[in-house]
Each structure stands twice: as structure tokens, then as C-alpha cells.
Protein backbone atom coordinates (compact mmCIF):
# COMPACT_ATOMS: atom_id res chain seq x y z
CA MET A 1 -19.15 -20.91 -27.32
CA TYR A 2 -17.33 -22.38 -23.94
CA VAL A 3 -17.39 -26.50 -23.12
CA GLU A 4 -16.56 -27.98 -20.03
CA LYS A 5 -17.53 -31.59 -19.00
CA ASP A 6 -20.15 -31.88 -21.83
CA ILE A 7 -21.73 -28.28 -21.12
CA LYS A 8 -22.32 -25.49 -23.67
CA LEU A 9 -22.16 -22.14 -22.51
CA PHE A 10 -23.00 -19.32 -25.40
CA ILE A 11 -21.43 -16.21 -23.83
CA ASP A 12 -21.46 -12.73 -25.60
CA LYS A 13 -17.33 -11.54 -25.98
CA ASP A 14 -18.37 -8.29 -24.00
CA SER A 15 -19.67 -10.13 -21.22
CA ILE A 16 -16.18 -12.85 -21.41
CA PRO A 17 -13.88 -10.44 -19.03
CA LEU A 18 -16.72 -10.24 -16.64
CA LEU A 19 -16.84 -13.21 -15.97
CA ASN A 20 -13.40 -14.78 -15.83
CA GLY A 21 -12.90 -16.66 -12.50
CA VAL A 22 -16.36 -17.66 -11.81
CA LYS A 23 -17.32 -20.28 -10.52
CA ILE A 24 -20.87 -21.89 -10.70
CA ASP A 25 -22.35 -24.59 -8.35
CA TYR A 26 -25.74 -25.86 -7.99
CA LEU A 27 -26.16 -26.92 -4.73
CA ASP A 28 -29.78 -29.62 -3.59
CA GLY A 29 -30.23 -29.73 0.11
CA LEU A 30 -32.10 -29.58 2.79
CA GLN A 31 -31.45 -25.94 3.42
CA ASP A 32 -30.51 -24.68 0.33
CA SER A 33 -30.88 -25.17 -3.25
CA GLY A 34 -30.18 -23.57 -6.27
CA PHE A 35 -27.27 -22.12 -8.25
CA ASN A 36 -24.47 -20.88 -6.36
CA ILE A 37 -22.28 -17.83 -8.55
CA ASN A 38 -18.94 -16.91 -7.11
CA ASN A 39 -18.15 -13.61 -9.09
CA PRO A 40 -14.53 -12.76 -7.72
CA ASN A 41 -14.66 -9.56 -10.42
CA SER A 42 -17.55 -8.42 -8.81
CA LYS A 43 -16.93 -5.49 -5.87
CA GLY A 44 -20.47 -5.32 -4.82
CA ASN A 45 -24.43 -5.98 -5.86
CA CYS A 46 -27.41 -4.93 -4.33
CA GLY A 47 -28.99 -7.73 -4.32
CA CYS A 48 -31.93 -7.00 -6.73
CA GLY A 49 -30.20 -9.24 -9.44
CA SER A 50 -30.01 -6.36 -12.21
CA SER A 51 -26.89 -4.29 -10.87
CA PHE A 52 -22.87 -5.00 -11.26
CA HIS A 53 -20.37 -3.37 -9.38
């Protein structure tokens, strides 16, 4: 479990190295809304949400 500013995240131990350095932000604007995830560990992805390189 990871706690930051009263937010608790439950992450399995195998995923922790893949999430090291990840920044998650929530956008709520006129043109963009939703979660923005920046993962410096990702070398590429297909956009389908089911692959991680």
C-alpha cells in the first residue's frame, strides 16, 4: 500500500518496478478531461491499453 496526501493505492509487488516514477494527473478542462498518465518506464505502446513495452 502506498499513501500520498490521504490517497491509498494498492499495488501488487510485481508491478511496483514498472510504476516507479509514474506521474498521474487528472485534467478537467474544456478540451481535455480524464486521467493523464506519464510513465517514463514505457518504451512504447499500441494505444489499445493491453500492451506495455
